[in-house]
Protein backbone atom coordinates (compact mmCIF):
# COMPACT_ATOMS: atom_id res chain seq x y z
CA UNK A 1 -1.65 116.07 -35.26
CA UNK A 2 0.02 118.70 -33.10
CA UNK A 3 -0.06 122.49 -33.31
CA UNK A 4 2.87 122.91 -30.78
CA UNK A 5 6.16 124.25 -31.97
CA UNK A 6 8.43 121.33 -32.76
CA UNK A 7 11.69 120.93 -30.79
CA UNK A 8 14.93 121.59 -32.59
CA UNK A 9 16.83 119.56 -30.01
CA UNK A 10 15.65 116.41 -28.25
CA UNK A 11 18.16 114.91 -25.87
CA UNK A 12 18.04 111.27 -24.84
CA UNK A 13 19.13 110.58 -21.27
CA UNK A 14 19.20 107.31 -19.35
CA UNK A 15 16.47 107.56 -16.71
CA UNK A 16 18.79 105.54 -14.48
CA UNK A 17 21.40 108.38 -14.36
CA UNK A 18 20.41 111.02 -11.75
CA UNK A 19 23.44 113.18 -12.46
CA UNK A 20 22.57 113.48 -16.12
CA UNK A 21 18.94 114.29 -15.26
CA UNK A 22 20.04 116.98 -12.81
CA UNK A 23 22.35 118.52 -15.39
CA UNK A 24 19.63 118.53 -18.01
CA UNK A 25 17.66 121.10 -16.02
CA UNK A 26 20.34 123.65 -16.78
CA UNK A 27 20.75 122.89 -20.45
CA UNK A 28 19.27 124.98 -23.33
CA UNK A 29 17.53 121.99 -24.86
CA UNK A 30 13.98 121.97 -26.20
CA UNK A 31 13.05 118.44 -25.10
CA UNK A 32 14.55 115.99 -22.62
CA UNK A 33 13.67 112.29 -23.36
CA UNK A 34 14.23 110.05 -20.33
CA UNK A 35 15.03 106.63 -21.68
CA UNK A 36 13.76 103.42 -20.21
CA UNK A 37 14.81 101.28 -23.22
CA UNK A 38 18.25 100.78 -24.68
CA UNK A 39 20.14 102.99 -22.30
CA UNK A 40 18.98 101.02 -19.20
CA UNK A 41 20.15 97.56 -18.12
CA UNK A 42 17.48 94.95 -17.69
CA UNK A 43 18.03 94.70 -13.95
CA UNK A 44 17.68 98.54 -13.60
CA UNK A 45 14.42 98.93 -15.51
CA UNK A 46 12.10 99.20 -12.52
CA UNK A 47 14.30 101.69 -10.70
CA UNK A 48 14.70 103.73 -13.87
CA UNK A 49 10.97 103.84 -14.40
CA UNK A 50 10.40 105.18 -10.87
CA UNK A 51 13.18 107.73 -11.35
CA UNK A 52 11.68 108.93 -14.65
CA UNK A 53 8.31 109.51 -13.09
CA UNK A 54 9.86 111.40 -10.23
CA UNK A 55 12.00 113.50 -12.60
CA UNK A 56 9.14 114.61 -14.86
CA UNK A 57 7.10 115.34 -11.78
CA UNK A 58 9.78 117.90 -10.74
CA UNK A 59 9.64 119.35 -14.27
CA UNK A 60 12.11 120.60 -16.83
CA UNK A 61 12.54 124.04 -18.38
CA UNK A 62 11.49 122.68 -21.73
CA UNK A 63 9.42 119.78 -22.86
CA UNK A 64 9.87 116.29 -21.28
CA UNK A 65 9.18 112.86 -22.60
CA UNK A 66 9.68 109.26 -21.51
CA UNK A 67 10.78 106.57 -23.93
CA UNK A 68 9.18 103.34 -22.94
CA UNK A 69 10.21 99.82 -23.78
CA UNK A 70 8.67 98.57 -26.99
CA UNK A 71 5.75 96.29 -27.63
CA UNK A 72 6.58 92.78 -26.56
CA UNK A 73 9.26 93.83 -24.11
CA UNK A 74 8.83 92.58 -20.50
CA UNK A 75 8.57 96.07 -19.10
CA UNK A 76 6.26 97.51 -21.78
CA UNK A 77 2.98 97.18 -19.87
CA UNK A 78 4.46 98.61 -16.57
CA UNK A 79 6.02 101.51 -18.48
CA UNK A 80 2.66 102.38 -20.02
CA UNK A 81 0.93 102.45 -16.63
CA UNK A 82 3.73 104.62 -15.19
CA UNK A 83 3.67 107.05 -18.13
CA UNK A 84 -0.05 107.44 -18.03
CA UNK A 85 0.12 108.50 -14.41
CA UNK A 86 3.14 110.71 -14.85
CA UNK A 87 3.54 114.38 -15.64
CA UNK A 88 5.52 113.91 -18.87
CA UNK A 89 4.49 115.85 -21.92
CA UNK A 90 5.02 113.04 -24.47
CA UNK A 91 5.69 109.32 -24.64
CA UNK A 92 8.30 108.03 -27.08
CA UNK A 93 7.82 104.57 -28.45
CA UNK A 94 10.56 102.56 -30.15
CA UNK A 95 10.07 100.46 -33.31
CA UNK A 96 6.46 101.34 -34.11
CA UNK A 97 5.42 99.24 -37.08
CA UNK A 98 1.65 99.75 -37.57
CA UNK A 99 -1.15 102.24 -36.98
CA UNK A 100 -2.86 99.70 -34.69
CA UNK A 101 0.17 99.63 -32.42
CA UNK A 102 0.36 103.46 -32.29
CA UNK A 103 -3.37 103.77 -31.56
CA UNK A 104 -3.24 101.22 -28.72
CA UNK A 105 -0.23 102.88 -27.08
CA UNK A 106 -1.60 106.42 -27.47
CA UNK A 107 -4.83 105.37 -25.76
CA UNK A 108 -3.14 103.49 -22.93
CA UNK A 109 -0.47 106.07 -22.29
CA UNK A 110 -2.94 109.00 -22.43
CA UNK A 111 -0.13 111.18 -23.71
CA UNK A 112 0.73 112.53 -27.18
CA UNK A 113 2.93 109.92 -28.84
CA UNK A 114 6.18 110.30 -30.74
CA UNK A 115 6.61 107.12 -32.80
CA UNK A 116 10.13 106.01 -33.60
CA UNK A 117 10.36 104.64 -37.16
CA UNK A 118 13.31 102.15 -37.05
CA UNK A 119 12.40 99.23 -39.21
CA UNK A 120 11.40 98.61 -42.86
CA UNK A 121 7.86 97.78 -41.73
CA UNK A 122 7.73 101.03 -39.81
CA UNK A 123 8.86 103.10 -42.79
CA UNK A 124 6.28 101.42 -45.12
CA UNK A 125 3.53 102.05 -42.53
CA UNK A 126 4.72 105.60 -41.58
CA UNK A 127 1.86 107.40 -43.33
CA UNK A 128 -0.78 105.37 -41.47
CA UNK A 129 1.13 105.71 -38.14
CA UNK A 130 1.39 109.49 -38.44
CA UNK A 131 -2.32 109.78 -39.16
CA UNK A 132 -3.32 108.11 -35.91
CA UNK A 133 -5.11 110.50 -33.48
CA UNK A 134 -2.74 111.07 -30.59
CA UNK A 135 0.44 110.72 -32.67
CA UNK A 136 2.32 114.05 -32.38
CA UNK A 137 5.12 113.14 -34.71
CA UNK A 138 7.75 110.68 -35.95
CA UNK A 139 11.35 110.17 -34.93
CA UNK A 140 13.77 108.60 -37.43
CA UNK A 141 15.67 105.71 -35.86
CA UNK A 142 18.62 105.88 -38.20
CA UNK A 143 20.85 103.38 -36.39
CA UNK A 144 18.36 100.64 -36.41
CA UNK A 145 17.25 101.41 -39.94
CA UNK A 146 20.82 101.27 -41.11
CA UNK A 147 21.26 97.86 -39.44
CA UNK A 148 18.07 96.34 -40.69
CA UNK A 149 18.63 97.67 -44.18
CA UNK A 150 22.26 96.37 -44.27
CA UNK A 151 23.76 99.83 -44.77
CA UNK A 152 27.31 99.91 -43.35
CA UNK A 153 27.56 103.64 -42.79
CA UNK A 154 26.53 107.09 -44.04
CA UNK A 155 23.23 108.63 -44.92
CA UNK A 156 22.98 108.00 -48.67
CA UNK A 157 21.37 104.62 -48.29
CA UNK A 158 18.77 106.05 -45.90
CA UNK A 159 17.56 108.71 -48.31
CA UNK A 160 14.25 107.04 -49.20
CA UNK A 161 13.49 106.11 -45.58
CA UNK A 162 14.24 109.61 -44.25
CA UNK A 163 12.17 111.28 -47.01
CA UNK A 164 9.26 108.90 -46.29
CA UNK A 165 9.36 109.76 -42.59
CA UNK A 166 9.21 113.47 -43.30
CA UNK A 167 6.45 113.06 -45.88
CA UNK A 168 4.43 110.87 -43.52
CA UNK A 169 4.81 113.30 -40.60
CA UNK A 170 3.73 116.21 -42.72
CA UNK A 171 0.79 114.35 -44.18
CA UNK A 172 -0.32 113.67 -40.63
CA UNK A 173 0.23 117.22 -39.48
CA UNK A 174 2.91 116.25 -36.99
CA UNK A 175 6.61 116.72 -36.16
CA UNK A 176 9.52 115.04 -37.90
CA UNK A 177 12.71 114.61 -35.87
CA UNK A 178 15.90 113.32 -37.36
CA UNK A 179 17.90 110.42 -35.81
CA UNK A 180 20.97 110.65 -33.56
CA UNK A 181 24.56 111.35 -34.61
CA UNK A 182 26.81 108.76 -32.88
CA UNK A 183 30.24 110.39 -33.03
CA UNK A 184 30.72 112.51 -29.88
CA UNK A 185 33.87 114.29 -30.93
CA UNK A 186 32.99 115.12 -34.53
CA UNK A 187 31.48 118.61 -34.31
CA UNK A 188 31.81 119.25 -38.06
CA UNK A 189 30.13 115.95 -38.88
CA UNK A 190 27.28 116.66 -36.50
CA UNK A 191 26.73 120.17 -37.98
CA UNK A 192 26.77 118.80 -41.54
CA UNK A 193 24.25 116.06 -40.66
CA UNK A 194 21.96 118.53 -38.88
CA UNK A 195 22.06 120.84 -41.87
CA UNK A 196 21.28 117.86 -44.14
CA UNK A 197 18.36 116.97 -41.87
CA UNK A 198 16.95 120.45 -42.12
CA UNK A 199 17.28 120.35 -45.90
CA UNK A 200 15.11 117.20 -45.94
CA UNK A 201 12.44 118.98 -43.93
CA UNK A 202 13.04 117.66 -40.44
CA UNK A 203 12.07 120.02 -37.61
CA UNK A 204 14.91 119.04 -35.37
CA UNK A 205 17.17 116.20 -34.31
CA UNK A 206 17.43 113.70 -31.49
CA UNK A 207 20.69 113.82 -29.60
CA UNK A 208 22.76 111.66 -27.27
CA UNK A 209 25.07 114.11 -25.55
CA UNK A 210 24.77 117.70 -24.23
CA UNK A 211 27.74 118.86 -26.35
CA UNK A 212 25.56 118.23 -29.45
CA UNK A 213 22.85 120.79 -28.47
CA UNK A 214 24.31 124.14 -29.62
CA UNK A 215 25.38 123.06 -33.08
CA UNK A 216 22.07 121.26 -33.70
CA UNK A 217 19.99 124.22 -32.55
CA UNK A 218 21.97 126.55 -34.78
CA UNK A 219 21.56 124.22 -37.77
CA UNK A 220 17.78 123.90 -37.39
CA UNK A 221 17.26 127.56 -36.50
CA UNK A 222 17.10 130.43 -38.99
CA UNK A 223 20.33 132.30 -39.76
CA UNK A 224 20.46 136.05 -39.16
CA UNK A 225 20.07 136.60 -42.88
CA UNK A 226 16.99 134.34 -43.06
CA UNK A 227 15.44 136.02 -40.14
CA UNK A 228 16.02 139.47 -41.52
CA UNK A 229 14.62 138.50 -44.79
CA UNK A 230 11.49 137.01 -43.19
CA UNK A 231 10.87 140.05 -41.10
CA UNK A 232 11.20 142.33 -44.10
CA UNK A 233 8.88 140.12 -46.18
CA UNK A 234 6.17 140.28 -43.50
CA UNK A 235 6.49 144.09 -43.25
CA UNK A 236 6.39 144.47 -46.96
CA UNK A 237 3.53 142.10 -47.80
CA UNK A 238 0.20 143.77 -48.65
CA UNK A 239 -1.82 140.75 -49.79
CA UNK A 240 -2.09 138.66 -53.00
CA UNK A 241 0.72 137.95 -55.36
CA UNK A 242 3.35 140.66 -55.42
CA UNK A 243 7.06 141.27 -55.94
CA UNK A 244 9.37 141.29 -52.95
CA UNK A 245 13.00 142.02 -53.63
CA UNK A 246 14.00 139.65 -56.39
CA UNK A 247 11.02 137.20 -56.23
CA UNK A 248 7.33 136.80 -56.28
CA UNK A 249 5.47 136.17 -53.03
CA UNK A 250 1.96 135.35 -51.98
CA UNK A 251 0.13 134.28 -48.79
CA UNK A 252 2.03 130.96 -48.55
CA UNK A 253 5.35 132.84 -48.30
CA UNK A 254 4.05 135.21 -45.69
CA UNK A 255 2.90 132.25 -43.58
CA UNK A 256 6.39 130.63 -43.97
CA UNK A 257 8.02 133.87 -42.89
CA UNK A 258 5.80 134.03 -39.78
CA UNK A 259 6.68 130.45 -38.93
CA UNK A 260 10.37 131.12 -39.31
CA UNK A 261 10.15 134.17 -37.02
CA UNK A 262 8.29 132.06 -34.46
CA UNK A 263 10.98 129.44 -34.75
CA UNK A 264 13.65 132.03 -34.00
CA UNK A 265 11.91 132.80 -30.73
CA UNK A 266 11.72 129.13 -29.57
CA UNK A 267 13.77 127.92 -26.63
CA UNK A 268 16.79 126.76 -28.67
CA UNK A 269 17.00 130.19 -30.18
């Protein structure tokens, strides 16, 4: 469980790319995730691990995380040791499939864990994974889920898996982050998918390119109209059930309005 404000934008960067890391320090992104897994060649893993530790030691304007290689991978144990000794805020773990795996990694890494749900087993165990102490939230691995489920494209076939990830994260009191959008030159498609993610209840979205940050932050942040309505609701509320404009409100709605106002003041805002 985490009480921290969830990131709207979480940008994956290869830990082996120093130019990308340097550029990330100037970006308006909520979380940088330095990747030691898919984005790094096998022969560059050790160098990338050292670079990630150095980079998080220097700090980022927002949150920083390191994605380690998964359980069973040759570099998994070395990644865990490095992350535990590093200054990163979170550890991201690919293809988590059980609560036991999540608990073991959270203990070894000594960092809050963001578990990627990327397989059918992971989806079916998501509730138990999210409930593990030390798990701060879940990240949907849409690409791997699509592949393992045999879905050629689109989001329709992922509906149950995505809903399950959000439900599990909420039951565990943690964050829920949507998966990446692969097309780099489809701004309209990105915005539409980000809006869809917000409509499902996701807090934010993982990204693969800096040009995806602004549209995603806008989609997951409140609009001017939503913000104005929330501020007016808070000012008007006097306690208990009462009428506000064209609807009935109570304490739950006031809490939601406060949360939305806080969201507007987050880094992506």
